[in-house]
C-alpha atoms as a PDB file:
ATOM      1  CA  UNK A   1      96.117  56.086 126.018  1.00  0.00           C
ATOM      2  CA  UNK A   2      96.047  58.183 129.210  1.00  0.00           C
ATOM      3  CA  UNK A   3      95.785  54.976 131.242  1.00  0.00           C
ATOM      4  CA  UNK A   4      98.720  53.499 129.325  1.00  0.00           C
ATOM      5  CA  UNK A   5     100.859  56.618 129.794  1.00  0.00           C
ATOM      6  CA  UNK A   6     100.133  56.766 133.525  1.00  0.00           C
ATOM      7  CA  UNK A   7     100.641  53.006 133.817  1.00  0.00           C
ATOM      8  CA  UNK A   8     104.071  52.956 132.179  1.00  0.00           C
ATOM      9  CA  UNK A   9     105.035  56.028 134.198  1.00  0.00           C
ATOM     10  CA  UNK A  10     104.241  54.233 137.453  1.00  0.00           C
ATOM     11  CA  UNK A  11     105.439  50.736 136.519  1.00  0.00           C
ATOM     12  CA  UNK A  12     108.466  51.832 134.447  1.00  0.00           C
ATOM     13  CA  UNK A  13     108.789  48.531 132.546  1.00  0.00           C
ATOM     14  CA  UNK A  14     111.754  49.771 130.507  1.00  0.00           C
ATOM     15  CA  UNK A  15     115.421  49.950 131.430  1.00  0.00           C
ATOM     16  CA  UNK A  16     115.344  53.743 131.780  1.00  0.00           C
ATOM     17  CA  UNK A  17     117.579  54.327 128.759  1.00  0.00           C
ATOM     18  CA  UNK A  18     116.122  56.560 126.056  1.00  0.00           C
ATOM     19  CA  UNK A  19     118.088  56.514 122.804  1.00  0.00           C
ATOM     20  CA  UNK A  20     117.673  59.360 120.355  1.00  0.00           C
ATOM     21  CA  UNK A  21     119.666  57.434 117.732  1.00  0.00           C
ATOM     22  CA  UNK A  22     119.591  53.652 117.785  1.00  0.00           C
ATOM     23  CA  UNK A  23     121.582  51.295 115.588  1.00  0.00           C
ATOM     24  CA  UNK A  24     119.204  48.869 113.916  1.00  0.00           C
ATOM     25  CA  UNK A  25     118.683  47.021 110.649  1.00  0.00           C
ATOM     26  CA  UNK A  26     117.117  48.630 107.591  1.00  0.00           C
ATOM     27  CA  UNK A  27     114.134  46.281 107.808  1.00  0.00           C
ATOM     28  CA  UNK A  28     113.304  47.208 111.408  1.00  0.00           C
ATOM     29  CA  UNK A  29     114.051  50.879 110.857  1.00  0.00           C
ATOM     30  CA  UNK A  30     111.904  51.291 107.770  1.00  0.00           C
ATOM     31  CA  UNK A  31     109.128  49.195 109.297  1.00  0.00           C
ATOM     32  CA  UNK A  32     108.988  51.882 111.984  1.00  0.00           C
ATOM     33  CA  UNK A  33     108.791  54.538 109.247  1.00  0.00           C
ATOM     34  CA  UNK A  34     105.824  52.819 107.598  1.00  0.00           C
ATOM     35  CA  UNK A  35     104.075  52.503 110.957  1.00  0.00           C
ATOM     36  CA  UNK A  36     104.462  56.248 111.509  1.00  0.00           C
ATOM     37  CA  UNK A  37     103.076  56.917 108.024  1.00  0.00           C
ATOM     38  CA  UNK A  38     100.111  54.662 108.805  1.00  0.00           C
ATOM     39  CA  UNK A  39      99.158  56.885 111.747  1.00  0.00           C
ATOM     40  CA  UNK A  40      98.468  59.766 109.341  1.00  0.00           C
ATOM     41  CA  UNK A  41      96.689  57.913 106.535  1.00  0.00           C
ATOM     42  CA  UNK A  42      93.141  59.166 107.108  1.00  0.00           C
ATOM     43  CA  UNK A  43      93.147  60.929 103.737  1.00  0.00           C
ATOM     44  CA  UNK A  44      90.778  58.500 101.928  1.00  0.00           C
ATOM     45  CA  UNK A  45      88.009  59.607 104.306  1.00  0.00           C
ATOM     46  CA  UNK A  46      88.499  63.311 103.601  1.00  0.00           C
ATOM     47  CA  UNK A  47      86.759  63.289 100.218  1.00  0.00           C
ATOM     48  CA  UNK A  48      83.664  61.547 101.568  1.00  0.00           C
ATOM     49  CA  UNK A  49      83.352  63.926 104.507  1.00  0.00           C
ATOM     50  CA  UNK A  50      83.808  67.094 102.482  1.00  0.00           C
ATOM     51  CA  UNK A  51      81.214  65.958  99.915  1.00  0.00           C
ATOM     52  CA  UNK A  52      78.543  65.717 102.624  1.00  0.00           C
ATOM     53  CA  UNK A  53      79.190  69.098 104.256  1.00  0.00           C
ATOM     54  CA  UNK A  54      76.671  71.911 103.926  1.00  0.00           C
ATOM     55  CA  UNK A  55      79.507  74.368 103.335  1.00  0.00           C
ATOM     56  CA  UNK A  56      82.571  72.522 101.971  1.00  0.00           C
ATOM     57  CA  UNK A  57      84.650  75.708 102.269  1.00  0.00           C
ATOM     58  CA  UNK A  58      84.699  75.205 106.041  1.00  0.00           C
ATOM     59  CA  UNK A  59      86.464  71.879 105.680  1.00  0.00           C
ATOM     60  CA  UNK A  60      90.062  73.218 105.599  1.00  0.00           C
ATOM     61  CA  UNK A  61      89.516  74.761 109.056  1.00  0.00           C
ATOM     62  CA  UNK A  62      88.316  71.500 110.570  1.00  0.00           C
ATOM     63  CA  UNK A  63      91.086  69.594 108.791  1.00  0.00           C
ATOM     64  CA  UNK A  64      93.722  71.989 110.117  1.00  0.00           C
ATOM     65  CA  UNK A  65      92.406  71.523 113.664  1.00  0.00           C
ATOM     66  CA  UNK A  66      92.308  67.738 113.255  1.00  0.00           C
ATOM     67  CA  UNK A  67      95.851  67.461 111.954  1.00  0.00           C
ATOM     68  CA  UNK A  68      97.174  69.894 114.554  1.00  0.00           C
ATOM     69  CA  UNK A  69      95.715  67.982 117.500  1.00  0.00           C
ATOM     70  CA  UNK A  70      96.716  64.688 115.896  1.00  0.00           C
ATOM     71  CA  UNK A  71     100.380  65.606 115.514  1.00  0.00           C
ATOM     72  CA  UNK A  72     100.641  67.019 119.050  1.00  0.00           C
ATOM     73  CA  UNK A  73      98.819  64.070 120.627  1.00  0.00           C
ATOM     74  CA  UNK A  74     100.768  61.400 118.743  1.00  0.00           C
ATOM     75  CA  UNK A  75     104.090  63.063 119.531  1.00  0.00           C
ATOM     76  CA  UNK A  76     103.425  63.464 123.260  1.00  0.00           C
ATOM     77  CA  UNK A  77     101.951  59.976 123.735  1.00  0.00           C
ATOM     78  CA  UNK A  78     104.715  58.207 121.810  1.00  0.00           C
ATOM     79  CA  UNK A  79     107.470  60.152 123.589  1.00  0.00           C
ATOM     80  CA  UNK A  80     106.069  59.475 127.068  1.00  0.00           C
ATOM     81  CA  UNK A  81     105.450  55.766 126.475  1.00  0.00           C
ATOM     82  CA  UNK A  82     108.856  55.238 124.879  1.00  0.00           C
ATOM     83  CA  UNK A  83     110.592  57.136 127.680  1.00  0.00           C
ATOM     84  CA  UNK A  84     109.204  54.788 130.341  1.00  0.00           C
ATOM     85  CA  UNK A  85     108.744  51.548 128.389  1.00  0.00           C
ATOM     86  CA  UNK A  86     111.921  51.768 126.324  1.00  0.00           C
ATOM     87  CA  UNK A  87     112.538  48.791 124.065  1.00  0.00           C
ATOM     88  CA  UNK A  88     109.580  47.042 125.666  1.00  0.00           C
ATOM     89  CA  UNK A  89     107.024  49.114 123.751  1.00  0.00           C
ATOM     90  CA  UNK A  90     104.590  46.738 122.093  1.00  0.00           C
ATOM     91  CA  UNK A  91     102.508  47.169 118.966  1.00  0.00           C
ATOM     92  CA  UNK A  92      99.836  48.320 119.736  1.00  0.00           C
ATOM     93  CA  UNK A  93     101.318  50.401 122.557  1.00  0.00           C
ATOM     94  CA  UNK A  94      98.319  49.632 124.800  1.00  0.00           C
ATOM     95  CA  UNK A  95     100.020  46.361 125.689  1.00  0.00           C
ATOM     96  CA  UNK A  96     103.122  48.036 127.131  1.00  0.00           C
ATOM     97  CA  UNK A  97     101.794  47.994 130.704  1.00  0.00           C
ATOM     98  CA  UNK A  98     101.224  45.095 133.105  1.00  0.00           C
ATOM     99  CA  UNK A  99      98.513  42.445 132.590  1.00  0.00           C
ATOM    100  CA  UNK A 100      95.783  44.198 134.595  1.00  0.00           C
ATOM    101  CA  UNK A 101      96.295  47.693 133.168  1.00  0.00           C
ATOM    102  CA  UNK A 102      96.621  46.174 129.709  1.00  0.00           C
ATOM    103  CA  UNK A 103      93.154  44.654 130.006  1.00  0.00           C
ATOM    104  CA  UNK A 104      91.723  47.881 131.419  1.00  0.00           C
ATOM    105  CA  UNK A 105      93.270  49.930 128.593  1.00  0.00           C
ATOM    106  CA  UNK A 106      91.951  47.618 125.893  1.00  0.00           C
ATOM    107  CA  UNK A 107      88.528  47.462 127.554  1.00  0.00           C
ATOM    108  CA  UNK A 108      88.145  51.238 127.621  1.00  0.00           C
ATOM    109  CA  UNK A 109      89.674  51.699 124.168  1.00  0.00           C
ATOM    110  CA  UNK A 110      87.615  48.939 122.531  1.00  0.00           C
ATOM    111  CA  UNK A 111      84.636  51.170 121.570  1.00  0.00           C
ATOM    112  CA  UNK A 112      87.009  53.661 119.936  1.00  0.00           C
ATOM    113  CA  UNK A 113      88.876  50.880 118.131  1.00  0.00           C
ATOM    114  CA  UNK A 114      85.611  49.424 116.811  1.00  0.00           C
ATOM    115  CA  UNK A 115      84.282  52.843 115.761  1.00  0.00           C
ATOM    116  CA  UNK A 116      87.544  53.680 113.962  1.00  0.00           C
ATOM    117  CA  UNK A 117      87.395  50.400 112.064  1.00  0.00           C
ATOM    118  CA  UNK A 118      83.734  50.867 111.167  1.00  0.00           C
ATOM    119  CA  UNK A 119      84.327  54.436 109.937  1.00  0.00           C
ATOM    120  CA  UNK A 120      87.178  53.369 107.651  1.00  0.00           C
ATOM    121  CA  UNK A 121      85.167  50.388 106.458  1.00  0.00           C
ATOM    122  CA  UNK A 122      82.158  52.604 105.768  1.00  0.00           C
ATOM    123  CA  UNK A 123      84.293  54.983 103.692  1.00  0.00           C
ATOM    124  CA  UNK A 124      85.691  52.134 101.577  1.00  0.00           C
ATOM    125  CA  UNK A 125      82.285  50.498 101.090  1.00  0.00           C
ATOM    126  CA  UNK A 126      80.655  53.812 100.203  1.00  0.00           C
ATOM    127  CA  UNK A 127      83.311  54.577  97.575  1.00  0.00           C
ATOM    128  CA  UNK A 128      82.670  51.234  95.880  1.00  0.00           C
ATOM    129  CA  UNK A 129      78.888  51.644  96.223  1.00  0.00           C
ATOM    130  CA  UNK A 130      78.920  55.111  94.648  1.00  0.00           C
ATOM    131  CA  UNK A 131      81.176  53.957  91.806  1.00  0.00           C
ATOM    132  CA  UNK A 132      78.863  51.055  90.993  1.00  0.00           C
ATOM    133  CA  UNK A 133      75.539  52.899  91.153  1.00  0.00           C
ATOM    134  CA  UNK A 134      76.373  56.580  90.596  1.00  0.00           C
ATOM    135  CA  UNK A 135      74.422  56.758  87.300  1.00  0.00           C
ATOM    136  CA  UNK A 136      71.362  54.904  88.601  1.00  0.00           C
ATOM    137  CA  UNK A 137      68.540  55.655  91.028  1.00  0.00           C
ATOM    138  CA  UNK A 138      69.516  52.779  93.332  1.00  0.00           C
ATOM    139  CA  UNK A 139      71.541  55.088  95.581  1.00  0.00           C
ATOM    140  CA  UNK A 140      68.486  57.214  96.351  1.00  0.00           C
ATOM    141  CA  UNK A 141      65.988  54.454  97.122  1.00  0.00           C
ATOM    142  CA  UNK A 142      65.553  52.342 100.240  1.00  0.00           C
ATOM    143  CA  UNK A 143      64.418  49.203  98.439  1.00  0.00           C
ATOM    144  CA  UNK A 144      65.533  45.596  98.500  1.00  0.00           C
ATOM    145  CA  UNK A 145      68.013  46.075  95.668  1.00  0.00           C
ATOM    146  CA  UNK A 146      69.755  49.094  97.162  1.00  0.00           C
ATOM    147  CA  UNK A 147      69.909  47.770 100.725  1.00  0.00           C
ATOM    148  CA  UNK A 148      70.873  44.309  99.486  1.00  0.00           C
ATOM    149  CA  UNK A 149      73.739  45.727  97.428  1.00  0.00           C
ATOM    150  CA  UNK A 150      75.018  47.684 100.438  1.00  0.00           C
ATOM    151  CA  UNK A 151      74.782  44.695 102.784  1.00  0.00           C
ATOM    152  CA  UNK A 152      76.489  42.466 100.203  1.00  0.00           C
ATOM    153  CA  UNK A 153      79.371  44.904  99.750  1.00  0.00           C
ATOM    154  CA  UNK A 154      79.755  45.307 103.513  1.00  0.00           C
ATOM    155  CA  UNK A 155      79.782  41.549 104.062  1.00  0.00           C
ATOM    156  CA  UNK A 156      82.355  41.002 101.303  1.00  0.00           C
ATOM    157  CA  UNK A 157      84.524  43.843 102.608  1.00  0.00           C
ATOM    158  CA  UNK A 158      84.642  42.580 106.194  1.00  0.00           C
ATOM    159  CA  UNK A 159      85.250  38.978 105.158  1.00  0.00           C
ATOM    160  CA  UNK A 160      88.214  40.065 103.018  1.00  0.00           C
ATOM    161  CA  UNK A 161      89.524  42.263 105.853  1.00  0.00           C
ATOM    162  CA  UNK A 162      89.244  39.378 108.323  1.00  0.00           C
ATOM    163  CA  UNK A 163      91.059  36.957 106.001  1.00  0.00           C
ATOM    164  CA  UNK A 164      93.921  39.422 105.450  1.00  0.00           C
ATOM    165  CA  UNK A 165      94.219  40.167 109.177  1.00  0.00           C
ATOM    166  CA  UNK A 166      94.295  36.468 110.067  1.00  0.00           C
ATOM    167  CA  UNK A 167      96.654  35.514 107.233  1.00  0.00           C
ATOM    168  CA  UNK A 168      99.228  38.097 108.421  1.00  0.00           C
ATOM    169  CA  UNK A 169      99.018  37.550 112.188  1.00  0.00           C
ATOM    170  CA  UNK A 170     101.769  39.955 113.277  1.00  0.00           C
ATOM    171  CA  UNK A 171     100.100  43.335 113.863  1.00  0.00           C
ATOM    172  CA  UNK A 172     103.230  45.382 113.219  1.00  0.00           C
ATOM    173  CA  UNK A 173     103.934  43.697 109.880  1.00  0.00           C
ATOM    174  CA  UNK A 174     100.324  44.062 108.747  1.00  0.00           C
ATOM    175  CA  UNK A 175     100.433  47.798 109.440  1.00  0.00           C
ATOM    176  CA  UNK A 176     103.685  48.045 107.496  1.00  0.00           C
ATOM    177  CA  UNK A 177     102.198  46.280 104.471  1.00  0.00           C
ATOM    178  CA  UNK A 178      99.008  48.376 104.454  1.00  0.00           C
ATOM    179  CA  UNK A 179     101.044  51.543 104.877  1.00  0.00           C
ATOM    180  CA  UNK A 180     103.344  50.664 101.972  1.00  0.00           C
ATOM    181  CA  UNK A 181     100.451  49.820  99.663  1.00  0.00           C
ATOM    182  CA  UNK A 182      98.045  52.643 100.493  1.00  0.00           C
ATOM    183  CA  UNK A 183      99.272  55.221 103.031  1.00  0.00           C
ATOM    184  CA  UNK A 184     102.330  55.917 100.890  1.00  0.00           C
ATOM    185  CA  UNK A 185     100.109  57.150  98.060  1.00  0.00           C
ATOM    186  CA  UNK A 186      97.065  58.561  99.853  1.00  0.00           C
ATOM    187  CA  UNK A 187      99.116  60.587 102.336  1.00  0.00           C
ATOM    188  CA  UNK A 188     102.163  61.519 100.258  1.00  0.00           C
ATOM    189  CA  UNK A 189     102.369  60.473  96.612  1.00  0.00           C
ATOM    190  CA  UNK A 190      98.901  61.319  95.271  1.00  0.00           C
ATOM    191  CA  UNK A 191      98.600  64.782  96.901  1.00  0.00           C
ATOM    192  CA  UNK A 192     101.893  65.761  95.283  1.00  0.00           C
ATOM    193  CA  UNK A 193     100.876  64.315  91.913  1.00  0.00           C
ATOM    194  CA  UNK A 194      97.452  66.012  92.082  1.00  0.00           C
ATOM    195  CA  UNK A 195      99.065  69.392  92.730  1.00  0.00           C
ATOM    196  CA  UNK A 196     101.516  68.947  89.870  1.00  0.00           C
ATOM    197  CA  UNK A 197      98.641  68.001  87.558  1.00  0.00           C
ATOM    198  CA  UNK A 198      96.447  70.960  88.579  1.00  0.00           C
ATOM    199  CA  UNK A 199      99.287  73.454  88.129  1.00  0.00           C
ATOM    200  CA  UNK A 200     100.722  71.991  84.934  1.00  0.00           C
ATOM    201  CA  UNK A 201     102.687  74.660  83.067  1.00  0.00           C
ATOM    202  CA  UNK A 202     102.830  77.053  86.049  1.00  0.00           C
ATOM    203  CA  UNK A 203     105.669  75.455  87.968  1.00  0.00           C
ATOM    204  CA  UNK A 204     108.153  78.306  87.575  1.00  0.00           C
ATOM    205  CA  UNK A 205     105.918  81.380  87.211  1.00  0.00           C
ATOM    206  CA  UNK A 206     106.853  82.782  90.643  1.00  0.00           C
ATOM    207  CA  UNK A 207     109.190  82.050  93.561  1.00  0.00           C
ATOM    208  CA  UNK A 208     106.211  80.704  95.537  1.00  0.00           C
ATOM    209  CA  UNK A 209     105.266  78.321  92.731  1.00  0.00           C
ATOM    210  CA  UNK A 210     108.870  77.126  92.464  1.00  0.00           C
ATOM    211  CA  UNK A 211     108.939  76.273  96.177  1.00  0.00           C
ATOM    212  CA  UNK A 212     105.545  74.562  95.979  1.00  0.00           C
ATOM    213  CA  UNK A 213     106.683  72.604  92.934  1.00  0.00           C
ATOM    214  CA  UNK A 214     109.774  71.392  94.768  1.00  0.00           C
ATOM    215  CA  UNK A 215     107.683  70.478  97.819  1.00  0.00           C
ATOM    216  CA  UNK A 216     105.167  68.461  95.813  1.00  0.00           C
ATOM    217  CA  UNK A 217     107.849  66.717  93.771  1.00  0.00           C
ATOM    218  CA  UNK A 218     109.370  65.809  97.125  1.00  0.00           C
ATOM    219  CA  UNK A 219     106.012  64.424  98.305  1.00  0.00           C
ATOM    220  CA  UNK A 220     105.749  62.255  95.199  1.00  0.00           C
ATOM    221  CA  UNK A 221     109.295  60.952  95.757  1.00  0.00           C
ATOM    222  CA  UNK A 222     108.581  60.261  99.443  1.00  0.00           C
ATOM    223  CA  UNK A 223     105.413  58.360  98.534  1.00  0.00           C
ATOM    224  CA  UNK A 224     107.248  56.260  95.962  1.00  0.00           C
ATOM    225  CA  UNK A 225     110.077  55.524  98.411  1.00  0.00           C
ATOM    226  CA  UNK A 226     107.696  54.455 101.186  1.00  0.00           C
ATOM    227  CA  UNK A 227     105.795  52.234  98.754  1.00  0.00           C
ATOM    228  CA  UNK A 228     108.818  50.469  97.243  1.00  0.00           C
ATOM    229  CA  UNK A 229     110.946  50.153 100.382  1.00  0.00           C
ATOM    230  CA  UNK A 230     107.912  49.485 102.563  1.00  0.00           C
ATOM    231  CA  UNK A 231     106.776  46.571 100.423  1.00  0.00           C
ATOM    232  CA  UNK A 232     110.249  45.070 100.571  1.00  0.00           C
ATOM    233  CA  UNK A 233     110.731  45.397 104.342  1.00  0.00           C
ATOM    234  CA  UNK A 234     107.201  44.198 105.126  1.00  0.00           C
ATOM    235  CA  UNK A 235     107.748  41.164 102.903  1.00  0.00           C
ATOM    236  CA  UNK A 236     111.027  40.369 104.653  1.00  0.00           C
ATOM    237  CA  UNK A 237     109.461  40.892 108.090  1.00  0.00           C
ATOM    238  CA  UNK A 238     106.476  38.660 107.294  1.00  0.00           C
ATOM    239  CA  UNK A 239     108.849  35.967 106.013  1.00  0.00           C
ATOM    240  CA  UNK A 240     111.042  36.199 109.115  1.00  0.00           C
ATOM    241  CA  UNK A 241     108.029  35.983 111.430  1.00  0.00           C
ATOM    242  CA  UNK A 242     106.686  32.881 109.743  1.00  0.00           C
ATOM    243  CA  UNK A 243     106.694  31.047 113.065  1.00  0.00           C
ATOM    244  CA  UNK A 244     103.652  33.038 114.168  1.00  0.00           C
ATOM    245  CA  UNK A 245     100.554  30.960 113.490  1.00  0.00           C
ATOM    246  CA  UNK A 246      97.933  32.300 111.106  1.00  0.00           C
ATOM    247  CA  UNK A 247      94.214  31.928 111.809  1.00  0.00           C
ATOM    248  CA  UNK A 248      94.690  31.371 115.534  1.00  0.00           C
ATOM    249  CA  UNK A 249      93.670  33.105 118.759  1.00  0.00           C
ATOM    250  CA  UNK A 250      97.277  33.516 119.915  1.00  0.00           C
ATOM    251  CA  UNK A 251      98.567  36.920 120.981  1.00  0.00           C
ATOM    252  CA  UNK A 252     100.708  37.902 118.001  1.00  0.00           C
ATOM    253  CA  UNK A 253     101.110  41.575 118.842  1.00  0.00           C
END
């Protein structure tokens, strides 16, 4: 991302006009909202990480640091790239520079992209694996059955992921769909619902609880809104971009 920021700053591919408020359609506007929500949807991995820590009570500190750096980094990078690339910002933003810098950026970022995908895939596969074999001794043995089950789940997971990615060839629309289906609940809806469930009957016992109740009801409403509206706009966007060929090697970013 540093290469991309420096590249757009030098090349200035945009028209130099930065708009704080831009008139656009609901579909394009809410697609942008779902893409922002997708950037913060690492929540499914939190449970797996905290369960493997020696001292789980230290996890909130590491989570606070992660989210703090994440918000600052995302805000600065997006603001700089948009300021210099303008309406020409691509999705992913690594493609906003010229051909040579674009290749350099992707080449350097490729290990991180692969690792990020593998980590998320590992979390999903592990959740399924634990659910299937949690009451057996298969999880604790390195035998043919245990390793075979893991390899089979991993193979099935990556085949399904590849089919979905190729069937919806427009990167931006795919992110919007995934965000509407999962990020809406993992990042917003479910945390609010979990809090309301854990504090059932104590919503109005103190001013602090009243504020927290309102905040978590708001989270549940936000999650529901992103899910419903996100599914609609992603469906419309996928339909409108039907000209993009599925299962091809074309650049559909």
